[in-house]
Amino acid sequence: MSIRVSHTHGEHIAVAAADGTEILRYVYRPDPEAFESRKPYAHPVRTLAGRTVTGYRPNDHRWHKGLQLTASHLSGQNFWGGNSYVHGRGYLPLPERIGSMRHDGFPAFTVEDDRLAFTEELTWVENGGAEWAREARGLTVHSVDEEAGAWALDWSIRLTNIRTEPLVFGSPTTAGRELAGYTGLQWRGPRDFTGGTVFGPDIDGGAGADAGKLMGTQGAWLAFTTEHDEVDGHSTLVFAHAPENLDERTAIHESHWFVRSEPIPSVAFSWAFHEEFTLPPGETFGYRYRVVFADGAWDRDRVAAHLARLPW
């Protein structure tokens, strides 16, 4: 299935399916609110049927913006946005901790009939203006399959520490709050995903609060399905790790799922859920992720079969 790509320079990149449905908008224009941690994000994201499957600036967490790469606790700075967790004091508005990610350019940008692939260069900047890290980010839209009712987005990161000191990656859980290990690539769903059903290859999380059964667990993939408001239909999102992410010989740190269905729908590929990890000066780490956006309420067998047809 062919796609159409448009680029509004300095603003965003948009991808539309053959029928004109915009399925992805990647926004790299800096947000006006520094407290929300200025950084690129993907929103709106839609299924091929046009169902919106990302949330943007919900009233409970204004800094949640579609699909975005974050670091909630990084050497005392907050690249997630919003209130910062401080052990013994809870969440506090500490604007002096809020960092940002500066868009520096697109060194590679390729559009084919059914595939978009680009590389983005970014600099991670702490609140005082010091440059802490260089990132090479890759996004690829592919496998746009009208028959399956699904398409895939691959998101990769290679991050290099450009400080003279180590970068220490953590999360609210490593700072003392239980079951709040959010950091890394994060998805925020719209409100009709609240109470949705979550499951993995070997675990049935169930709907609503039962999704917490997968909190802090590990697995090759996780699926989140819901029934939409206003329209008669379901959507399923599948979050999948590249094989090397789960290999202790190649990953800088083991990954765990951060997942909630209630009170808010959110999933993160957490790279520092239970423990911190350190990136020495001059060193680089990388991860690759895949998200499949599908129409319909998929079950475990259908998810597994679809992922098997999408080699890395």
Protein backbone atom coordinates (compact mmCIF):
# COMPACT_ATOMS: atom_id res chain seq x y z
CA MET A 1 0.00 0.00 0.00
CA SER A 2 1.50 3.33 -1.03
CA ILE A 3 1.96 6.29 1.31
CA ARG A 4 2.32 10.04 0.81
CA VAL A 5 4.78 12.11 2.82
CA SER A 6 4.77 15.86 3.34
CA HIS A 7 7.31 17.97 5.22
CA THR A 8 6.47 21.39 6.58
CA HIS A 9 10.02 22.60 7.22
CA GLY A 10 10.66 23.69 10.77
CA GLU A 11 7.34 22.20 11.88
CA HIS A 12 6.51 18.56 11.22
CA ILE A 13 6.55 15.54 8.94
CA ALA A 14 3.21 13.96 8.00
CA VAL A 15 2.47 10.55 6.49
CA ALA A 16 -0.83 9.72 4.78
CA ALA A 17 -2.17 6.40 3.56
CA ALA A 18 -3.29 5.96 -0.04
CA ASP A 19 -6.86 7.09 0.75
CA GLY A 20 -5.59 10.35 2.26
CA THR A 21 -5.88 9.37 5.94
CA GLU A 22 -3.03 10.97 7.88
CA ILE A 23 -1.60 8.14 9.98
CA LEU A 24 1.41 9.92 11.49
CA ARG A 25 2.50 13.44 12.30
CA TYR A 26 5.98 13.82 13.75
CA VAL A 27 6.35 17.27 15.29
CA TYR A 28 9.84 18.65 15.86
CA ARG A 29 8.95 22.32 16.28
CA PRO A 30 9.81 23.33 19.90
CA ASP A 31 6.79 23.49 22.17
CA PRO A 32 6.08 26.85 23.83
CA GLU A 33 5.96 25.43 27.38
CA ALA A 34 9.45 24.81 28.77
CA PHE A 35 7.98 23.11 31.87
CA GLU A 36 6.65 20.33 29.62
CA SER A 37 10.20 19.56 28.41
CA ARG A 38 10.52 20.70 24.82
CA LYS A 39 11.21 17.74 22.56
CA PRO A 40 9.87 16.14 19.37
CA TYR A 41 6.87 13.82 19.52
CA ALA A 42 4.45 11.90 17.29
CA HIS A 43 0.83 13.10 17.42
CA PRO A 44 -1.71 12.56 16.09
CA VAL A 45 -1.13 8.92 15.22
CA ARG A 46 -4.02 7.07 13.59
CA THR A 47 -4.92 3.60 12.38
CA LEU A 48 -5.64 3.03 8.70
CA ALA A 49 -9.36 3.42 9.49
CA GLY A 50 -8.63 6.89 10.86
CA ARG A 51 -8.96 6.12 14.58
CA THR A 52 -6.78 8.45 16.66
CA VAL A 53 -4.65 6.37 19.03
CA THR A 54 -2.49 9.00 20.75
CA GLY A 55 -3.37 11.59 23.37
CA TYR A 56 -1.96 15.11 23.55
CA ARG A 57 -1.65 17.37 26.61
CA PRO A 58 -4.37 15.60 28.69
CA ASN A 59 -5.53 17.60 31.69
CA ASP A 60 -3.97 15.10 34.12
CA HIS A 61 -0.47 15.31 32.59
CA ARG A 62 -0.01 18.20 30.15
CA TRP A 63 3.50 16.96 29.32
CA HIS A 64 2.21 13.69 27.86
CA LYS A 65 2.37 14.12 24.09
CA GLY A 66 1.53 11.18 21.90
CA LEU A 67 4.58 9.00 21.39
CA GLN A 68 7.80 10.54 22.66
CA LEU A 69 11.30 9.59 23.80
CA THR A 70 11.90 10.71 27.38
CA ALA A 71 14.20 10.42 30.38
CA SER A 72 12.36 11.10 33.62
CA HIS A 73 15.43 11.04 35.89
CA LEU A 74 18.80 11.84 34.31
CA SER A 75 21.63 13.02 36.57
CA GLY A 76 19.24 15.26 38.49
CA GLN A 77 17.44 16.59 35.41
CA ASN A 78 13.95 15.80 34.09
CA PHE A 79 13.59 15.30 30.32
CA TRP A 80 10.07 13.88 30.81
CA GLY A 81 8.47 17.18 31.73
CA GLY A 82 6.13 18.26 34.48
CA ASN A 83 6.56 17.69 38.19
CA SER A 84 9.69 15.91 39.42
CA TYR A 85 9.55 13.11 41.97
CA VAL A 86 11.60 13.74 45.12
CA HIS A 87 11.73 10.93 47.66
CA GLY A 88 9.95 11.82 50.88
CA ARG A 89 8.36 14.93 49.35
CA GLY A 90 6.41 13.54 46.40
CA TYR A 91 5.97 15.29 43.05
CA LEU A 92 7.12 18.90 43.02
CA PRO A 93 7.12 21.63 40.36
CA LEU A 94 10.86 22.14 39.91
CA PRO A 95 11.31 24.08 36.66
CA GLU A 96 15.06 24.31 37.23
CA ARG A 97 15.26 20.55 36.61
CA ILE A 98 13.48 20.52 33.26
CA GLY A 99 15.76 19.75 30.30
CA SER A 100 15.01 19.81 26.57
CA MET A 101 15.92 18.09 23.32
CA ARG A 102 17.01 20.36 20.48
CA HIS A 103 16.34 19.34 16.89
CA ASP A 104 19.56 19.78 14.87
CA GLY A 105 18.62 18.37 11.48
CA PHE A 106 17.73 15.41 9.27
CA PRO A 107 20.95 13.95 7.83
CA ALA A 108 19.06 11.15 6.07
CA PHE A 109 15.55 11.19 4.61
CA THR A 110 14.26 8.51 2.23
CA VAL A 111 10.76 8.08 0.82
CA GLU A 112 9.74 5.05 -1.18
CA ASP A 113 6.31 3.96 -2.40
CA ASP A 114 5.40 2.22 0.86
CA ARG A 115 8.16 3.29 3.24
CA LEU A 116 9.50 6.42 4.94
CA ALA A 117 12.82 6.33 6.77
CA PHE A 118 14.64 9.28 8.29
CA THR A 119 17.39 10.00 10.77
CA GLU A 120 17.15 12.98 13.09
CA GLU A 121 20.04 14.55 14.99
CA LEU A 122 19.21 15.98 18.42
CA THR A 123 21.09 17.47 21.36
CA TRP A 124 19.95 16.90 24.94
CA VAL A 125 20.33 20.19 26.83
CA GLU A 126 20.10 20.52 30.62
CA ASN A 127 18.14 23.38 32.13
CA GLY A 128 21.13 25.70 32.46
CA GLY A 129 22.00 25.35 28.77
CA ALA A 130 24.82 22.79 28.95
CA GLU A 131 24.81 20.17 26.19
CA TRP A 132 24.79 16.72 27.75
CA ALA A 133 24.19 14.23 24.95
CA ARG A 134 23.97 13.80 21.18
CA GLU A 135 21.25 11.57 19.82
CA ALA A 136 20.82 9.94 16.44
CA ARG A 137 17.14 9.00 16.18
CA GLY A 138 15.67 6.85 13.46
CA LEU A 139 12.01 6.61 12.47
CA THR A 140 10.70 4.25 9.81
CA VAL A 141 7.10 3.90 8.65
CA HIS A 142 6.60 0.54 6.91
CA SER A 143 4.39 -2.50 6.40
CA VAL A 144 1.30 -0.43 5.62
CA ASP A 145 -1.05 -3.36 5.04
CA GLU A 146 -4.65 -2.59 4.09
CA GLU A 147 -5.66 -6.25 4.22
CA ALA A 148 -4.33 -6.68 7.76
CA GLY A 149 -5.62 -3.25 8.76
CA ALA A 150 -2.26 -2.33 10.27
CA TRP A 151 0.97 -0.41 9.82
CA ALA A 152 4.24 -0.26 11.72
CA LEU A 153 6.54 2.42 13.10
CA ASP A 154 10.12 1.59 14.05
CA TRP A 155 11.84 4.01 16.44
CA SER A 156 15.55 3.76 17.25
CA ILE A 157 17.90 5.75 19.47
CA ARG A 158 21.69 5.99 19.67
CA LEU A 159 22.73 8.31 22.48
CA THR A 160 26.27 9.53 23.18
CA ASN A 161 27.36 11.18 26.42
CA ILE A 162 29.23 14.40 25.53
CA ARG A 163 29.79 15.49 29.15
CA THR A 164 33.01 15.03 31.07
CA GLU A 165 30.98 13.23 33.75
CA PRO A 166 28.84 10.08 33.60
CA LEU A 167 25.14 10.31 32.77
CA VAL A 168 23.01 8.42 35.29
CA PHE A 169 19.61 7.22 34.04
CA GLY A 170 16.85 6.41 36.52
CA SER A 171 13.11 6.71 37.16
CA PRO A 172 10.74 7.62 39.99
CA THR A 173 11.03 4.00 41.15
CA THR A 174 14.82 4.18 41.39
CA ALA A 175 14.24 7.40 43.35
CA GLY A 176 11.98 5.63 45.84
CA ARG A 177 8.44 5.47 44.42
CA GLU A 178 7.09 1.96 43.87
CA LEU A 179 5.75 0.88 40.47
CA ALA A 180 6.54 4.17 38.76
CA GLY A 181 9.49 3.18 36.60
CA TYR A 182 8.49 5.32 33.65
CA THR A 183 11.22 6.57 31.31
CA GLY A 184 12.35 5.84 27.75
CA LEU A 185 10.01 5.67 24.75
CA GLN A 186 6.51 6.44 26.07
CA TRP A 187 3.02 6.27 24.55
CA ARG A 188 0.04 8.13 25.97
CA GLY A 189 -3.32 7.00 24.73
CA PRO A 190 -6.49 9.07 24.28
CA ARG A 191 -9.23 8.78 26.86
CA ASP A 192 -11.10 5.98 25.11
CA PHE A 193 -8.10 3.72 25.81
CA THR A 194 -8.78 4.11 29.55
CA GLY A 195 -9.82 0.73 30.92
CA GLY A 196 -8.50 -1.08 27.84
CA THR A 197 -7.16 -4.63 27.80
CA VAL A 198 -3.44 -5.41 28.03
CA PHE A 199 -1.64 -8.70 27.42
CA GLY A 200 1.77 -10.09 26.55
CA PRO A 201 3.10 -13.28 24.97
CA ASP A 202 2.65 -15.21 28.22
CA ILE A 203 0.66 -12.90 30.52
CA ASP A 204 -3.00 -11.87 30.46
CA GLY A 205 -3.13 -8.50 32.18
CA GLY A 206 -6.82 -8.04 31.55
CA ALA A 207 -8.76 -4.79 31.44
CA GLY A 208 -8.64 -1.73 33.65
CA ALA A 209 -6.70 -2.11 36.89
CA ASP A 210 -5.75 -5.68 35.96
CA ALA A 211 -3.33 -4.28 33.41
CA GLY A 212 -1.09 -3.66 36.40
CA LYS A 213 -0.18 -7.35 36.34
CA LEU A 214 2.30 -6.46 33.61
CA MET A 215 3.78 -3.47 35.44
CA GLY A 216 7.53 -3.92 35.81
CA THR A 217 7.59 -7.21 33.90
CA GLN A 218 9.69 -8.13 30.88
CA GLY A 219 8.71 -9.49 27.49
CA ALA A 220 9.34 -9.30 23.77
CA TRP A 221 6.07 -7.47 23.19
CA LEU A 222 2.96 -6.06 24.84
CA ALA A 223 -0.45 -5.38 23.29
CA PHE A 224 -3.08 -2.82 24.32
CA THR A 225 -6.58 -2.97 22.85
CA THR A 226 -9.68 -0.83 23.35
CA GLU A 227 -13.16 -0.07 22.03
CA HIS A 228 -13.51 3.50 20.80
CA ASP A 229 -16.01 6.14 21.76
CA GLU A 230 -18.22 7.70 19.05
CA VAL A 231 -17.43 5.06 16.40
CA ASP A 232 -18.18 1.34 16.35
CA GLY A 233 -14.77 -0.23 16.38
CA HIS A 234 -11.67 -1.33 18.26
CA SER A 235 -7.98 -0.59 17.92
CA THR A 236 -4.94 -2.56 19.00
CA LEU A 237 -1.44 -1.23 19.60
CA VAL A 238 1.50 -3.63 19.83
CA PHE A 239 4.77 -2.51 21.43
CA ALA A 240 7.74 -4.70 20.52
CA HIS A 241 11.44 -4.85 21.35
CA ALA A 242 14.14 -5.54 18.80
CA PRO A 243 15.94 -8.75 19.81
CA GLU A 244 19.12 -7.00 20.94
CA ASN A 245 17.19 -4.90 23.48
CA LEU A 246 16.59 -8.02 25.58
CA ASP A 247 20.06 -9.50 25.15
CA GLU A 248 22.29 -8.80 28.16
CA ARG A 249 25.33 -8.99 25.88
CA THR A 250 24.19 -6.06 23.73
CA ALA A 251 21.83 -3.92 25.84
CA ILE A 252 23.33 -1.35 28.20
CA HIS A 253 20.58 -2.16 30.71
CA GLU A 254 17.63 -4.52 30.92
CA SER A 255 14.18 -3.21 29.96
CA HIS A 256 10.83 -3.59 31.73
CA TRP A 257 7.30 -2.52 30.89
CA PHE A 258 5.67 0.48 32.44
CA VAL A 259 1.97 0.02 31.71
CA ARG A 260 -1.29 1.43 33.01
CA SER A 261 -4.82 1.17 31.70
CA GLU A 262 -6.38 3.08 34.62
CA PRO A 263 -6.50 5.86 35.66
CA ILE A 264 -4.56 6.80 32.52
CA PRO A 265 -3.66 4.71 29.45
CA SER A 266 0.11 4.65 29.02
CA VAL A 267 2.94 2.31 28.02
CA ALA A 268 6.69 2.91 28.22
CA PHE A 269 9.67 0.82 27.18
CA SER A 270 11.40 1.58 30.48
CA TRP A 271 15.17 1.25 30.33
CA ALA A 272 15.64 2.04 34.06
CA PHE A 273 12.57 0.72 35.86
CA HIS A 274 14.05 -0.93 38.95
CA GLU A 275 17.69 0.16 38.86
CA GLU A 276 19.76 3.06 37.53
CA PHE A 277 22.37 2.64 34.84
CA THR A 278 25.35 4.81 33.96
CA LEU A 279 26.67 5.98 30.58
CA PRO A 280 30.34 7.01 30.88
CA PRO A 281 31.71 10.09 29.06
CA GLY A 282 32.14 9.47 25.34
CA GLU A 283 30.20 6.21 25.41
CA THR A 284 27.06 5.39 23.38
CA PHE A 285 24.04 3.16 23.89
CA GLY A 286 21.26 2.16 21.51
CA TYR A 287 17.79 0.62 21.49
CA ARG A 288 15.31 -0.23 18.71
CA TYR A 289 11.56 -0.40 19.14
CA ARG A 290 8.52 -1.19 17.00
CA VAL A 291 4.90 -0.11 17.43
CA VAL A 292 2.14 -1.67 15.30
CA PHE A 293 -1.10 0.31 14.94
CA ALA A 294 -4.00 -1.95 14.02
CA ASP A 295 -7.74 -1.77 13.49
CA GLY A 296 -9.77 -4.34 15.39
CA ALA A 297 -9.46 -6.21 18.69
CA TRP A 298 -6.51 -8.51 18.09
CA ASP A 299 -5.84 -11.54 20.28
CA ARG A 300 -2.51 -13.08 21.25
CA ASP A 301 -2.33 -15.45 18.27
CA ARG A 302 -3.02 -12.68 15.78
CA VAL A 303 -0.42 -10.39 17.35
CA ALA A 304 2.23 -13.12 17.34
CA ALA A 305 1.49 -14.10 13.74
CA HIS A 306 1.65 -10.49 12.55
CA LEU A 307 4.94 -9.79 14.32
CA ALA A 308 6.41 -12.98 12.84
CA ARG A 309 5.80 -11.51 9.36
CA LEU A 310 7.78 -8.37 10.21
CA PRO A 311 11.45 -9.36 10.45
CA TRP A 312 13.89 -6.93 12.02
